[in-house]
Amino acid sequence: MVRGTAVGAALVLMAGVGTASAPAGASGQERTSLSLEEAIRIAKDGNPAFLSATNDLDRAKWQVRESYGQFLPSVTAGGGAQYEYAGVQRFGIFSSADIAAGTTDYLLSSYFLSVNWSIDGNTFFQAKSARANQGAAEARNAADEFALEATVTLQYLAALRARDAVEVAERQVARWEQNFALIGARVDAGAALSTEGKQSEVDLGRARVALLRAENLYRTEIARLMEQLGTDLGARLELASDFAVFEPGWDRRELIETAMSGHPGLRAALASEASASAQVNRARASYFPTVSASAVWSGFTRQVGNPDYVVQQAQSSVDRQRLSCQFDNALLAHLQDLPGLAVDDCSRYVLTEPMRQQVLATNATFPFDFTRQPLSLRLNVSFPIFEGFTKQRNIARAQADRRDATYARRAEELRLRATVTQSYDDLATAYRALRIQERNLEVASEQLELARRRYTLGAAPFLELLDAEDSMAQSERDHLAAVYDFHAAIWSLEAAVGRRLRPDAELLEDDGVRNPR
């Protein structure tokens, strides 16, 4: 038997689940229904461990993009500005005062654009390795998703089992209340000993204690289910899914073949093996040469902060030209016999106002009137010769990882074969045991009814009623355990095969259908 339990209005918003009114005695509190499929969907959106594992998939996707980006050149652009106050500047062991250089403040700005491109063997094999890693991450994510479904399903079954155990305990309490009333009436009539009434009161108290423990276990299993869902809900939860008992008719060999061809865990092992093989090729690529090229564009501008300093420098330059002209003329005066030489007009070496304005305009370059520097191009080719056996060690390590991945894949295949075989046998055993427990429950119910009638008529002793009641209680517990052992065996077999096996018609919603008791 399986029915429903409680969650909260927040879950309705998260999962789109319907809300039903609570039955009488629930103090008007609403119950939120939760089916197994809804629980699995919520867990995929809220389970912290599963969400943490999915981060690897995003990282693997960006590694693939990055590997293809290695074929493209890297581009770097930059610029800056600088201001320096006037003062004595140092040039090695000399200063500007030593070389009679004037000092002033100045503004400096510059830019550069650098394009670099490099390619080697690792660039080619890195893309293939990244794709293999992405495939492995996707396979692991699928395996984690399947494992989460199995975990949530088993915990959902545990909550259902605990809830039905509460119902079994409630029925036992109700029967002992009837027995207590029956025995009390016989004691009052003098048809039974007072010790029988005391014993029935003790048994009623034990049944009530068992009910309290069953209710506590049910609340614990619900809390564990919420832990798997990744939610913290304070409302009452109604478990809506029900699972019917049916005779399994699957073939063992077909189940093993299905597991070998599509189990998420095995696919993850195969993807890890492929990724390890790609890492071997990537390690071997270290023997390939490296080709790199670069191009740099740059420019600068420098502006003196004191305009008078620029004018003074221009005036000094003109004065030096005039003095040089006068010196040359004086020298020519003593060398008049040299043909082709004429005296220069030194009066033209004067700093005129247009020249002064041009000097000031030429200085006004900050911050964007750049002077372009020559383009710089570079091409390098390098061949690895010897690196202290580092490449050999990396290759050996990659090959060892590949062998480990192969062994892990083979171990997973062997594990799946053994697990499918064991789960198949466990399911067959659980089904036969369930049918036996169903018959035991019917016989125990008939025996209890007969013993109660005989005791009411005074034709049976008190011990016969106690034995019949104990037999009924044990049969109910054994039947409940057999029912959920059967369901757990099915889900264990599905976990071993790697996909759902139970027909959709066998997974019932809360429509009034219950497992046989």
Protein backbone atom coordinates (compact mmCIF):
# COMPACT_ATOMS: atom_id res chain seq x y z
CA MET A 1 0.00 0.00 0.00
CA VAL A 2 1.15 3.51 -0.77
CA ARG A 3 -0.58 6.87 -0.44
CA GLY A 4 0.37 10.54 0.27
CA THR A 5 2.02 12.91 2.83
CA ALA A 6 2.86 16.67 3.46
CA VAL A 7 5.16 19.47 2.09
CA GLY A 8 4.22 23.15 1.92
CA ALA A 9 2.87 25.89 -0.27
CA ALA A 10 6.39 26.76 -1.43
CA LEU A 11 6.66 23.37 -3.12
CA VAL A 12 3.50 24.11 -5.06
CA LEU A 13 5.19 27.17 -6.53
CA MET A 14 8.37 25.22 -7.27
CA ALA A 15 6.89 22.07 -8.78
CA GLY A 16 3.45 23.13 -9.89
CA VAL A 17 1.91 20.50 -7.63
CA GLY A 18 -1.75 20.61 -6.61
CA THR A 19 -2.87 21.20 -3.03
CA ALA A 20 -5.64 19.22 -1.37
CA SER A 21 -7.59 19.97 1.77
CA ALA A 22 -6.61 18.06 4.87
CA PRO A 23 -8.98 15.41 6.20
CA ALA A 24 -10.94 15.85 9.37
CA GLY A 25 -8.75 16.08 12.43
CA ALA A 26 -5.91 17.87 10.64
CA SER A 27 -6.86 21.23 12.22
CA GLY A 28 -7.67 22.70 8.81
CA GLN A 29 -4.02 22.49 7.69
CA GLU A 30 -3.50 21.91 3.98
CA ARG A 31 -1.47 19.04 2.60
CA THR A 32 0.76 19.38 -0.43
CA SER A 33 0.88 16.34 -2.69
CA LEU A 34 4.20 15.20 -4.09
CA SER A 35 4.62 12.46 -6.67
CA LEU A 36 7.86 10.63 -7.34
CA GLU A 37 8.38 12.32 -10.70
CA GLU A 38 7.89 15.74 -9.11
CA ALA A 39 10.31 14.83 -6.34
CA ILE A 40 12.96 13.86 -8.89
CA ARG A 41 12.43 17.08 -10.83
CA ILE A 42 12.72 19.20 -7.68
CA ALA A 43 15.87 17.34 -6.61
CA LYS A 44 17.53 18.08 -9.97
CA ASP A 45 16.90 21.79 -9.38
CA GLY A 46 17.73 21.90 -5.68
CA ASN A 47 20.05 19.07 -4.57
CA PRO A 48 23.33 20.86 -3.64
CA ALA A 49 25.61 17.89 -4.35
CA PHE A 50 24.08 17.34 -7.80
CA LEU A 51 24.19 21.04 -8.68
CA SER A 52 27.83 21.16 -7.59
CA ALA A 53 28.64 18.28 -9.92
CA THR A 54 26.99 20.03 -12.89
CA ASN A 55 29.51 22.86 -12.58
CA ASP A 56 32.12 20.58 -14.14
CA LEU A 57 30.08 20.51 -17.35
CA ASP A 58 30.16 24.31 -17.74
CA ARG A 59 33.89 24.31 -17.05
CA ALA A 60 34.45 21.60 -19.68
CA LYS A 61 32.47 23.56 -22.30
CA TRP A 62 34.63 26.64 -21.77
CA GLN A 63 37.77 24.52 -21.98
CA VAL A 64 36.69 23.46 -25.48
CA ARG A 65 36.14 27.09 -26.48
CA GLU A 66 39.50 28.01 -25.00
CA SER A 67 41.27 25.22 -26.91
CA TYR A 68 39.94 26.51 -30.23
CA GLY A 69 40.86 30.04 -29.19
CA GLN A 70 44.51 28.95 -29.00
CA PHE A 71 44.58 28.93 -32.82
CA LEU A 72 43.83 32.67 -32.85
CA PRO A 73 46.36 35.39 -32.06
CA SER A 74 46.25 37.20 -28.76
CA VAL A 75 45.78 40.95 -28.95
CA THR A 76 46.88 43.37 -26.24
CA ALA A 77 46.31 47.12 -26.23
CA GLY A 78 47.43 49.64 -23.69
CA GLY A 79 48.37 53.19 -23.02
CA GLY A 80 49.36 55.54 -20.27
CA ALA A 81 50.13 59.07 -19.21
CA GLN A 82 52.86 60.54 -17.03
CA TYR A 83 53.67 63.91 -15.49
CA GLU A 84 57.09 64.72 -14.06
CA TYR A 85 58.01 67.80 -12.09
CA ALA A 86 61.02 69.99 -12.93
CA GLY A 87 64.25 69.09 -11.20
CA VAL A 88 67.66 67.53 -11.59
CA GLN A 89 67.45 64.25 -13.46
CA ARG A 90 69.94 61.45 -13.20
CA PHE A 91 71.53 59.68 -16.18
CA GLY A 92 73.63 56.82 -14.78
CA ILE A 93 76.43 58.40 -12.73
CA PHE A 94 75.70 61.85 -14.20
CA SER A 95 72.89 64.29 -13.68
CA SER A 96 71.33 66.93 -15.91
CA ALA A 97 73.32 69.58 -14.02
CA ASP A 98 76.61 67.85 -14.92
CA ILE A 99 75.91 67.99 -18.62
CA ALA A 100 74.44 71.49 -18.46
CA ALA A 101 71.05 70.24 -19.56
CA GLY A 102 68.09 72.31 -18.64
CA THR A 103 65.35 70.78 -16.54
CA THR A 104 61.63 71.38 -16.64
CA ASP A 105 58.39 69.56 -16.00
CA TYR A 106 56.83 67.59 -18.85
CA LEU A 107 53.77 65.53 -19.82
CA LEU A 108 54.13 62.14 -21.52
CA SER A 109 51.50 59.82 -23.05
CA SER A 110 51.93 56.62 -25.08
CA TYR A 111 50.03 53.73 -26.59
CA PHE A 112 50.80 50.29 -27.93
CA LEU A 113 49.00 47.51 -29.78
CA SER A 114 50.57 44.07 -29.66
CA VAL A 115 49.48 41.00 -31.67
CA ASN A 116 51.05 37.67 -30.71
CA TRP A 117 50.46 34.28 -32.26
CA SER A 118 52.03 30.99 -31.23
CA ILE A 119 51.30 27.41 -32.18
CA ASP A 120 52.82 24.06 -31.25
CA GLY A 121 51.84 20.42 -31.04
CA ASN A 122 49.95 20.96 -27.81
CA THR A 123 47.70 23.48 -29.60
CA PHE A 124 46.52 20.85 -32.07
CA PHE A 125 45.91 18.09 -29.54
CA GLN A 126 44.50 20.37 -26.85
CA ALA A 127 41.27 20.82 -28.80
CA LYS A 128 40.79 17.08 -29.16
CA SER A 129 41.61 16.56 -25.49
CA ALA A 130 39.15 19.27 -24.46
CA ARG A 131 36.37 17.67 -26.53
CA ALA A 132 37.11 14.32 -24.90
CA ASN A 133 37.02 15.95 -21.47
CA GLN A 134 33.70 17.55 -22.31
CA GLY A 135 32.31 14.17 -23.38
CA ALA A 136 33.53 12.66 -20.10
CA ALA A 137 31.96 15.52 -18.12
CA GLU A 138 28.64 15.07 -19.93
CA ALA A 139 28.73 11.32 -19.30
CA ARG A 140 29.53 11.87 -15.62
CA ASN A 141 26.70 14.37 -15.40
CA ALA A 142 24.30 11.82 -16.88
CA ALA A 143 25.55 9.21 -14.41
CA ASP A 144 25.13 11.66 -11.52
CA GLU A 145 21.63 12.47 -12.71
CA PHE A 146 20.72 8.79 -12.85
CA ALA A 147 22.25 8.22 -9.42
CA LEU A 148 20.22 11.12 -8.04
CA GLU A 149 17.04 9.63 -9.47
CA ALA A 150 17.84 6.30 -7.81
CA THR A 151 18.64 7.96 -4.48
CA VAL A 152 15.45 10.03 -4.47
CA THR A 153 13.40 6.98 -5.49
CA LEU A 154 14.79 4.81 -2.70
CA GLN A 155 14.22 7.57 -0.14
CA TYR A 156 10.71 8.11 -1.48
CA LEU A 157 10.07 4.39 -1.00
CA ALA A 158 11.52 4.59 2.52
CA ALA A 159 9.08 7.41 3.33
CA LEU A 160 6.19 5.41 1.87
CA ARG A 161 7.20 2.39 3.89
CA ALA A 162 7.37 4.45 7.09
CA ARG A 163 3.96 5.99 6.35
CA ASP A 164 2.38 2.58 5.79
CA ALA A 165 4.04 1.35 8.96
CA VAL A 166 2.11 4.10 10.76
CA GLU A 167 -1.12 2.75 9.29
CA VAL A 168 -0.21 -0.77 10.38
CA ALA A 169 0.50 0.51 13.91
CA GLU A 170 -2.79 2.42 13.92
CA ARG A 171 -4.69 -0.74 13.01
CA GLN A 172 -2.92 -2.66 15.74
CA VAL A 173 -3.86 0.04 18.28
CA ALA A 174 -7.47 -0.09 17.08
CA ARG A 175 -7.59 -3.88 17.45
CA TRP A 176 -6.13 -3.74 20.94
CA GLU A 177 -8.64 -1.07 21.91
CA GLN A 178 -11.37 -3.47 20.79
CA ASN A 179 -9.69 -6.31 22.66
CA PHE A 180 -9.34 -4.15 25.77
CA ALA A 181 -13.05 -3.29 25.66
CA LEU A 182 -13.99 -6.92 25.03
CA ILE A 183 -11.80 -8.30 27.80
CA GLY A 184 -12.89 -5.56 30.20
CA ALA A 185 -16.53 -6.45 29.62
CA ARG A 186 -15.81 -10.12 30.36
CA VAL A 187 -13.85 -9.20 33.49
CA ASP A 188 -16.73 -7.01 34.71
CA ALA A 189 -19.13 -9.90 34.07
CA GLY A 190 -16.90 -12.28 36.01
CA ALA A 191 -16.27 -14.41 32.92
CA ALA A 192 -12.54 -13.62 32.82
CA LEU A 193 -9.77 -13.09 35.30
CA SER A 194 -8.67 -9.57 36.20
CA THR A 195 -5.14 -10.47 35.11
CA GLU A 196 -6.43 -10.81 31.57
CA GLY A 197 -7.68 -7.22 31.71
CA LYS A 198 -4.32 -6.02 33.02
CA GLN A 199 -2.47 -7.90 30.29
CA SER A 200 -4.71 -6.42 27.59
CA GLU A 201 -4.00 -2.95 28.98
CA VAL A 202 -0.26 -3.61 28.81
CA ASP A 203 -0.56 -4.84 25.21
CA LEU A 204 -2.59 -1.74 24.30
CA GLY A 205 0.13 0.44 25.79
CA ARG A 206 2.79 -1.39 23.79
CA ALA A 207 0.78 -0.89 20.60
CA ARG A 208 0.53 2.82 21.31
CA VAL A 209 4.28 3.04 21.92
CA ALA A 210 4.86 1.25 18.62
CA LEU A 211 2.59 3.82 16.94
CA LEU A 212 4.58 6.72 18.42
CA ARG A 213 7.82 5.24 17.15
CA ALA A 214 6.33 4.61 13.72
CA GLU A 215 5.17 8.23 13.50
CA ASN A 216 8.60 9.46 14.55
CA LEU A 217 10.28 7.29 11.90
CA TYR A 218 7.88 8.62 9.27
CA ARG A 219 8.78 12.23 10.14
CA THR A 220 12.46 11.29 9.99
CA GLU A 221 12.12 9.72 6.53
CA ILE A 222 10.24 12.78 5.26
CA ALA A 223 13.05 15.01 6.55
CA ARG A 224 15.58 12.82 4.75
CA LEU A 225 13.52 13.07 1.57
CA MET A 226 13.55 16.86 1.88
CA GLU A 227 17.32 16.68 2.28
CA GLN A 228 17.60 14.87 -1.04
CA LEU A 229 15.27 17.39 -2.70
CA GLY A 230 17.40 20.28 -1.47
CA THR A 231 14.39 22.06 0.07
CA ASP A 232 13.48 23.03 3.62
CA LEU A 233 9.70 22.96 3.79
CA GLY A 234 7.68 23.16 6.96
CA ALA A 235 4.25 22.19 5.64
CA ARG A 236 2.62 18.75 5.63
CA LEU A 237 3.55 16.48 2.74
CA GLU A 238 1.26 14.06 0.94
CA LEU A 239 3.13 11.36 -1.00
CA ALA A 240 1.02 10.95 -4.12
CA SER A 241 2.70 8.11 -6.04
CA ASP A 242 1.68 4.50 -5.57
CA PHE A 243 3.43 1.36 -6.79
CA ALA A 244 1.56 -1.77 -7.78
CA VAL A 245 2.81 -5.30 -7.31
CA PHE A 246 3.20 -7.31 -10.51
CA GLU A 247 4.99 -10.42 -11.64
CA PRO A 248 8.32 -9.46 -13.29
CA GLY A 249 8.86 -11.10 -16.66
CA TRP A 250 12.21 -9.73 -17.80
CA ASP A 251 14.98 -11.88 -19.25
CA ARG A 252 18.29 -11.88 -17.40
CA ARG A 253 20.49 -11.88 -20.54
CA GLU A 254 18.57 -9.05 -22.15
CA LEU A 255 18.94 -6.98 -18.99
CA ILE A 256 22.70 -7.59 -18.96
CA GLU A 257 22.96 -6.58 -22.62
CA THR A 258 20.97 -3.43 -21.90
CA ALA A 259 23.31 -2.54 -19.05
CA MET A 260 26.38 -3.17 -21.22
CA SER A 261 25.07 -0.96 -24.01
CA GLY A 262 23.67 2.05 -22.20
CA HIS A 263 24.29 2.24 -18.48
CA PRO A 264 25.21 5.85 -17.56
CA GLY A 265 28.01 4.69 -15.28
CA LEU A 266 29.56 2.58 -18.04
CA ARG A 267 29.23 5.40 -20.55
CA ALA A 268 31.02 7.65 -18.09
CA ALA A 269 33.82 5.07 -17.77
CA LEU A 270 34.13 4.84 -21.58
CA ALA A 271 34.25 8.63 -21.87
CA SER A 272 36.94 8.80 -19.19
CA GLU A 273 38.96 6.21 -21.12
CA ALA A 274 38.67 8.28 -24.30
CA SER A 275 39.72 11.38 -22.40
CA ALA A 276 42.77 9.56 -21.02
CA SER A 277 43.76 8.48 -24.55
CA ALA A 278 43.53 12.08 -25.72
CA GLN A 279 45.82 13.12 -22.86
CA VAL A 280 48.45 10.65 -24.12
CA ASN A 281 48.43 12.28 -27.57
CA ARG A 282 48.62 15.69 -25.96
CA ALA A 283 51.67 14.64 -23.93
CA ARG A 284 53.41 13.31 -27.05
CA ALA A 285 52.83 16.66 -28.78
CA SER A 286 55.56 18.16 -26.58
CA TYR A 287 58.09 16.89 -29.19
CA PHE A 288 56.61 19.20 -31.84
CA PRO A 289 58.32 22.55 -32.65
CA THR A 290 56.88 25.87 -31.54
CA VAL A 291 56.24 28.66 -34.04
CA SER A 292 55.50 32.17 -32.75
CA ALA A 293 55.05 35.55 -34.41
CA SER A 294 54.35 39.01 -33.06
CA ALA A 295 53.68 42.55 -34.29
CA VAL A 296 53.78 45.73 -32.21
CA TRP A 297 52.42 49.15 -33.06
CA SER A 298 53.23 52.02 -30.67
CA GLY A 299 53.46 55.74 -30.41
CA PHE A 300 54.16 58.50 -27.91
CA THR A 301 53.79 62.20 -27.29
CA ARG A 302 55.87 64.45 -25.02
CA GLN A 303 54.92 67.98 -24.04
CA VAL A 304 57.03 70.33 -21.91
CA GLY A 305 54.97 71.82 -19.15
CA ASN A 306 56.72 75.28 -19.20
CA PRO A 307 56.25 77.03 -22.60
CA ASP A 308 59.03 79.51 -21.81
CA TYR A 309 61.44 76.60 -21.53
CA VAL A 310 60.60 75.53 -25.09
CA VAL A 311 61.07 79.07 -26.38
CA GLN A 312 64.38 79.33 -24.53
CA GLN A 313 65.58 76.09 -26.10
CA ALA A 314 64.57 77.36 -29.54
CA GLN A 315 66.34 80.67 -28.88
CA SER A 316 69.45 78.82 -27.75
CA SER A 317 69.38 76.72 -30.92
CA VAL A 318 69.11 79.86 -33.11
CA ASP A 319 71.91 81.54 -31.17
CA ARG A 320 74.15 78.54 -31.67
CA GLN A 321 73.42 78.58 -35.40
CA ARG A 322 74.26 82.32 -35.60
CA LEU A 323 77.50 81.84 -33.63
CA SER A 324 78.41 78.94 -35.90
CA CYS A 325 77.71 81.13 -38.93
CA GLN A 326 79.88 83.93 -37.61
CA PHE A 327 82.69 81.47 -36.89
CA ASP A 328 82.48 80.08 -40.42
CA ASN A 329 82.55 83.58 -41.93
CA ALA A 330 85.62 84.49 -39.88
CA LEU A 331 87.31 81.32 -41.00
CA LEU A 332 86.50 82.04 -44.66
CA ALA A 333 88.02 85.47 -44.34
CA HIS A 334 91.39 83.78 -43.92
CA LEU A 335 90.71 81.26 -46.70
CA GLN A 336 89.73 83.52 -49.55
CA ASP A 337 91.61 81.51 -52.12
CA LEU A 338 89.28 78.48 -51.75
CA PRO A 339 86.85 78.37 -54.65
CA GLY A 340 83.11 77.73 -54.15
CA LEU A 341 82.95 79.18 -50.66
CA ALA A 342 80.93 82.29 -49.86
CA VAL A 343 80.23 84.26 -46.73
CA ASP A 344 76.83 83.48 -45.20
CA ASP A 345 74.35 86.08 -43.95
CA CYS A 346 74.25 85.46 -40.21
CA SER A 347 71.55 88.03 -39.60
CA ARG A 348 68.90 85.54 -40.75
CA TYR A 349 69.45 83.35 -37.70
CA VAL A 350 66.91 85.12 -35.55
CA LEU A 351 63.93 83.63 -33.64
CA THR A 352 61.02 85.36 -35.27
CA GLU A 353 57.49 85.49 -33.90
CA PRO A 354 56.16 82.93 -36.45
CA MET A 355 58.97 80.60 -35.45
CA ARG A 356 58.12 81.13 -31.79
CA GLN A 357 54.46 80.32 -32.42
CA GLN A 358 55.42 77.21 -34.39
CA VAL A 359 57.66 76.01 -31.54
CA LEU A 360 54.78 76.44 -29.09
CA ALA A 361 52.36 74.67 -31.43
CA THR A 362 54.79 71.79 -31.90
CA ASN A 363 55.05 71.39 -28.13
CA ALA A 364 51.25 71.26 -27.66
CA THR A 365 50.93 67.51 -28.33
CA PHE A 366 49.56 66.09 -25.06
CA PRO A 367 47.64 63.82 -24.83
CA PHE A 368 46.62 62.48 -28.27
CA ASP A 369 48.99 63.99 -30.85
CA PHE A 370 51.13 60.84 -31.02
CA THR A 371 54.34 60.28 -32.87
CA ARG A 372 54.16 56.83 -34.41
CA GLN A 373 57.10 54.55 -33.80
CA PRO A 374 58.29 52.03 -36.38
CA LEU A 375 56.33 48.79 -36.69
CA SER A 376 58.06 45.84 -34.96
CA LEU A 377 57.70 42.31 -36.41
CA ARG A 378 59.14 39.08 -35.00
CA LEU A 379 59.10 35.41 -36.00
CA ASN A 380 60.54 32.60 -33.87
CA VAL A 381 60.81 28.85 -34.38
CA SER A 382 62.05 26.62 -31.55
CA PHE A 383 62.67 22.89 -31.35
CA PRO A 384 62.67 21.06 -28.00
CA ILE A 385 65.87 19.06 -27.61
CA PHE A 386 66.26 18.00 -24.00
CA GLU A 387 64.31 19.06 -20.90
CA GLY A 388 65.55 16.66 -18.28
CA PHE A 389 63.17 13.80 -19.17
CA THR A 390 60.15 15.93 -18.31
CA LYS A 391 58.38 15.03 -21.57
CA GLN A 392 59.06 11.33 -21.06
CA ARG A 393 57.70 11.49 -17.53
CA ASN A 394 54.54 13.26 -18.69
CA ILE A 395 53.98 10.70 -21.44
CA ALA A 396 54.50 7.82 -19.02
CA ARG A 397 52.06 9.37 -16.55
CA ALA A 398 49.45 9.89 -19.28
CA GLN A 399 49.84 6.30 -20.44
CA ALA A 400 49.44 5.07 -16.86
CA ASP A 401 46.27 7.14 -16.51
CA ARG A 402 44.95 5.63 -19.72
CA ARG A 403 45.60 2.10 -18.43
CA ASP A 404 43.89 3.00 -15.17
CA ALA A 405 40.87 4.27 -17.11
CA THR A 406 40.79 1.04 -19.12
CA TYR A 407 40.91 -1.03 -15.95
CA ALA A 408 38.17 1.11 -14.39
CA ARG A 409 35.95 0.63 -17.45
CA ARG A 410 36.52 -3.14 -17.34
CA ALA A 411 35.79 -3.20 -13.61
CA GLU A 412 32.55 -1.30 -14.22
CA GLU A 413 31.49 -3.86 -16.83
CA LEU A 414 32.16 -6.74 -14.44
CA ARG A 415 30.37 -4.93 -11.63
CA LEU A 416 27.30 -4.32 -13.76
CA ARG A 417 27.10 -7.96 -14.84
CA ALA A 418 27.30 -9.14 -11.24
CA THR A 419 24.89 -6.47 -9.99
CA VAL A 420 22.28 -7.18 -12.65
CA THR A 421 22.48 -10.90 -11.93
CA GLN A 422 22.17 -10.40 -8.19
CA SER A 423 19.37 -7.82 -8.49
CA TYR A 424 17.46 -10.08 -10.86
CA ASP A 425 17.64 -12.99 -8.41
CA ASP A 426 16.76 -10.70 -5.49
CA LEU A 427 13.67 -9.50 -7.35
CA ALA A 428 12.51 -13.04 -8.12
CA THR A 429 13.01 -14.00 -4.48
CA ALA A 430 11.22 -10.88 -3.24
CA TYR A 431 8.21 -11.57 -5.48
CA ARG A 432 7.83 -15.16 -4.30
CA ALA A 433 8.28 -14.11 -0.67
CA LEU A 434 5.62 -11.42 -1.11
CA ARG A 435 3.08 -13.92 -2.39
CA ILE A 436 3.77 -16.15 0.59
CA GLN A 437 3.38 -13.23 3.00
CA GLU A 438 0.08 -12.29 1.36
CA ARG A 439 -1.26 -15.78 2.11
CA ASN A 440 0.14 -15.63 5.64
CA LEU A 441 -1.66 -12.34 6.19
CA GLU A 442 -4.97 -13.79 5.00
CA VAL A 443 -4.61 -16.83 7.26
CA ALA A 444 -3.58 -14.69 10.25
CA SER A 445 -6.61 -12.43 9.71
CA GLU A 446 -8.96 -15.41 9.60
CA GLN A 447 -7.27 -16.91 12.66
CA LEU A 448 -7.65 -13.66 14.62
CA GLU A 449 -11.31 -13.32 13.71
CA LEU A 450 -12.00 -16.91 14.76
CA ALA A 451 -10.05 -16.52 18.04
CA ARG A 452 -11.94 -13.31 18.93
CA ARG A 453 -15.30 -15.00 18.33
CA ARG A 454 -14.31 -18.04 20.37
CA TYR A 455 -13.03 -15.85 23.21
CA THR A 456 -16.23 -13.79 23.16
CA LEU A 457 -18.27 -16.98 23.55
CA GLY A 458 -15.93 -18.29 26.23
CA ALA A 459 -14.84 -21.20 24.07
CA ALA A 460 -11.16 -20.13 23.82
CA PRO A 461 -8.66 -19.15 26.50
CA PHE A 462 -7.08 -15.70 26.70
CA LEU A 463 -3.72 -17.02 25.50
CA GLU A 464 -5.28 -18.16 22.23
CA LEU A 465 -6.47 -14.60 21.58
CA LEU A 466 -3.04 -13.22 22.45
CA ASP A 467 -1.32 -15.66 20.10
CA ALA A 468 -3.73 -14.81 17.29
CA GLU A 469 -3.20 -11.07 17.83
CA ASP A 470 0.58 -11.44 17.91
CA SER A 471 0.44 -13.58 14.76
CA MET A 472 -1.68 -10.94 13.00
CA ALA A 473 0.65 -8.11 14.03
CA GLN A 474 3.73 -10.02 12.88
CA SER A 475 2.04 -10.98 9.59
CA GLU A 476 1.20 -7.33 8.91
CA ARG A 477 4.77 -6.27 9.56
CA ASP A 478 6.18 -9.09 7.44
CA HIS A 479 3.77 -8.31 4.60
CA LEU A 480 4.68 -4.62 4.68
CA ALA A 481 8.38 -5.50 4.62
CA ALA A 482 7.81 -7.93 1.73
CA VAL A 483 5.92 -5.31 -0.29
CA TYR A 484 8.68 -2.75 -0.02
CA ASP A 485 11.42 -5.33 -0.43
CA PHE A 486 9.77 -6.09 -3.76
CA HIS A 487 9.66 -2.42 -4.79
CA ALA A 488 13.23 -1.84 -3.59
CA ALA A 489 14.38 -4.89 -5.58
CA ILE A 490 12.83 -3.43 -8.73
CA TRP A 491 14.55 -0.10 -8.26
CA SER A 492 17.83 -1.86 -7.49
CA LEU A 493 17.51 -3.78 -10.73
CA GLU A 494 16.78 -0.56 -12.62
CA ALA A 495 19.84 1.04 -11.06
CA ALA A 496 21.92 -1.93 -12.22
CA VAL A 497 20.47 -1.89 -15.75
CA GLY A 498 20.67 1.89 -16.09
CA ARG A 499 17.10 2.73 -17.09
CA ARG A 500 13.50 2.48 -15.97
CA LEU A 501 11.98 -0.99 -16.26
CA ARG A 502 8.69 -0.68 -14.38
CA PRO A 503 5.79 -0.14 -16.80
CA ASP A 504 4.19 3.29 -16.54
CA ALA A 505 0.89 1.66 -15.67
CA GLU A 506 2.48 0.13 -12.59
CA LEU A 507 3.46 3.52 -11.16
CA LEU A 508 0.11 4.87 -10.04
CA GLU A 509 -0.77 8.33 -8.81
CA ASP A 510 -2.92 8.85 -5.76
CA ASP A 511 -6.16 7.61 -7.34
CA GLY A 512 -7.35 5.28 -4.63
CA VAL A 513 -5.42 2.23 -5.87
CA ARG A 514 -3.41 0.55 -3.13
CA ASN A 515 -1.13 -2.42 -2.87
CA PRO A 516 -2.78 -5.55 -1.43
CA ARG A 517 -2.29 -6.04 2.28
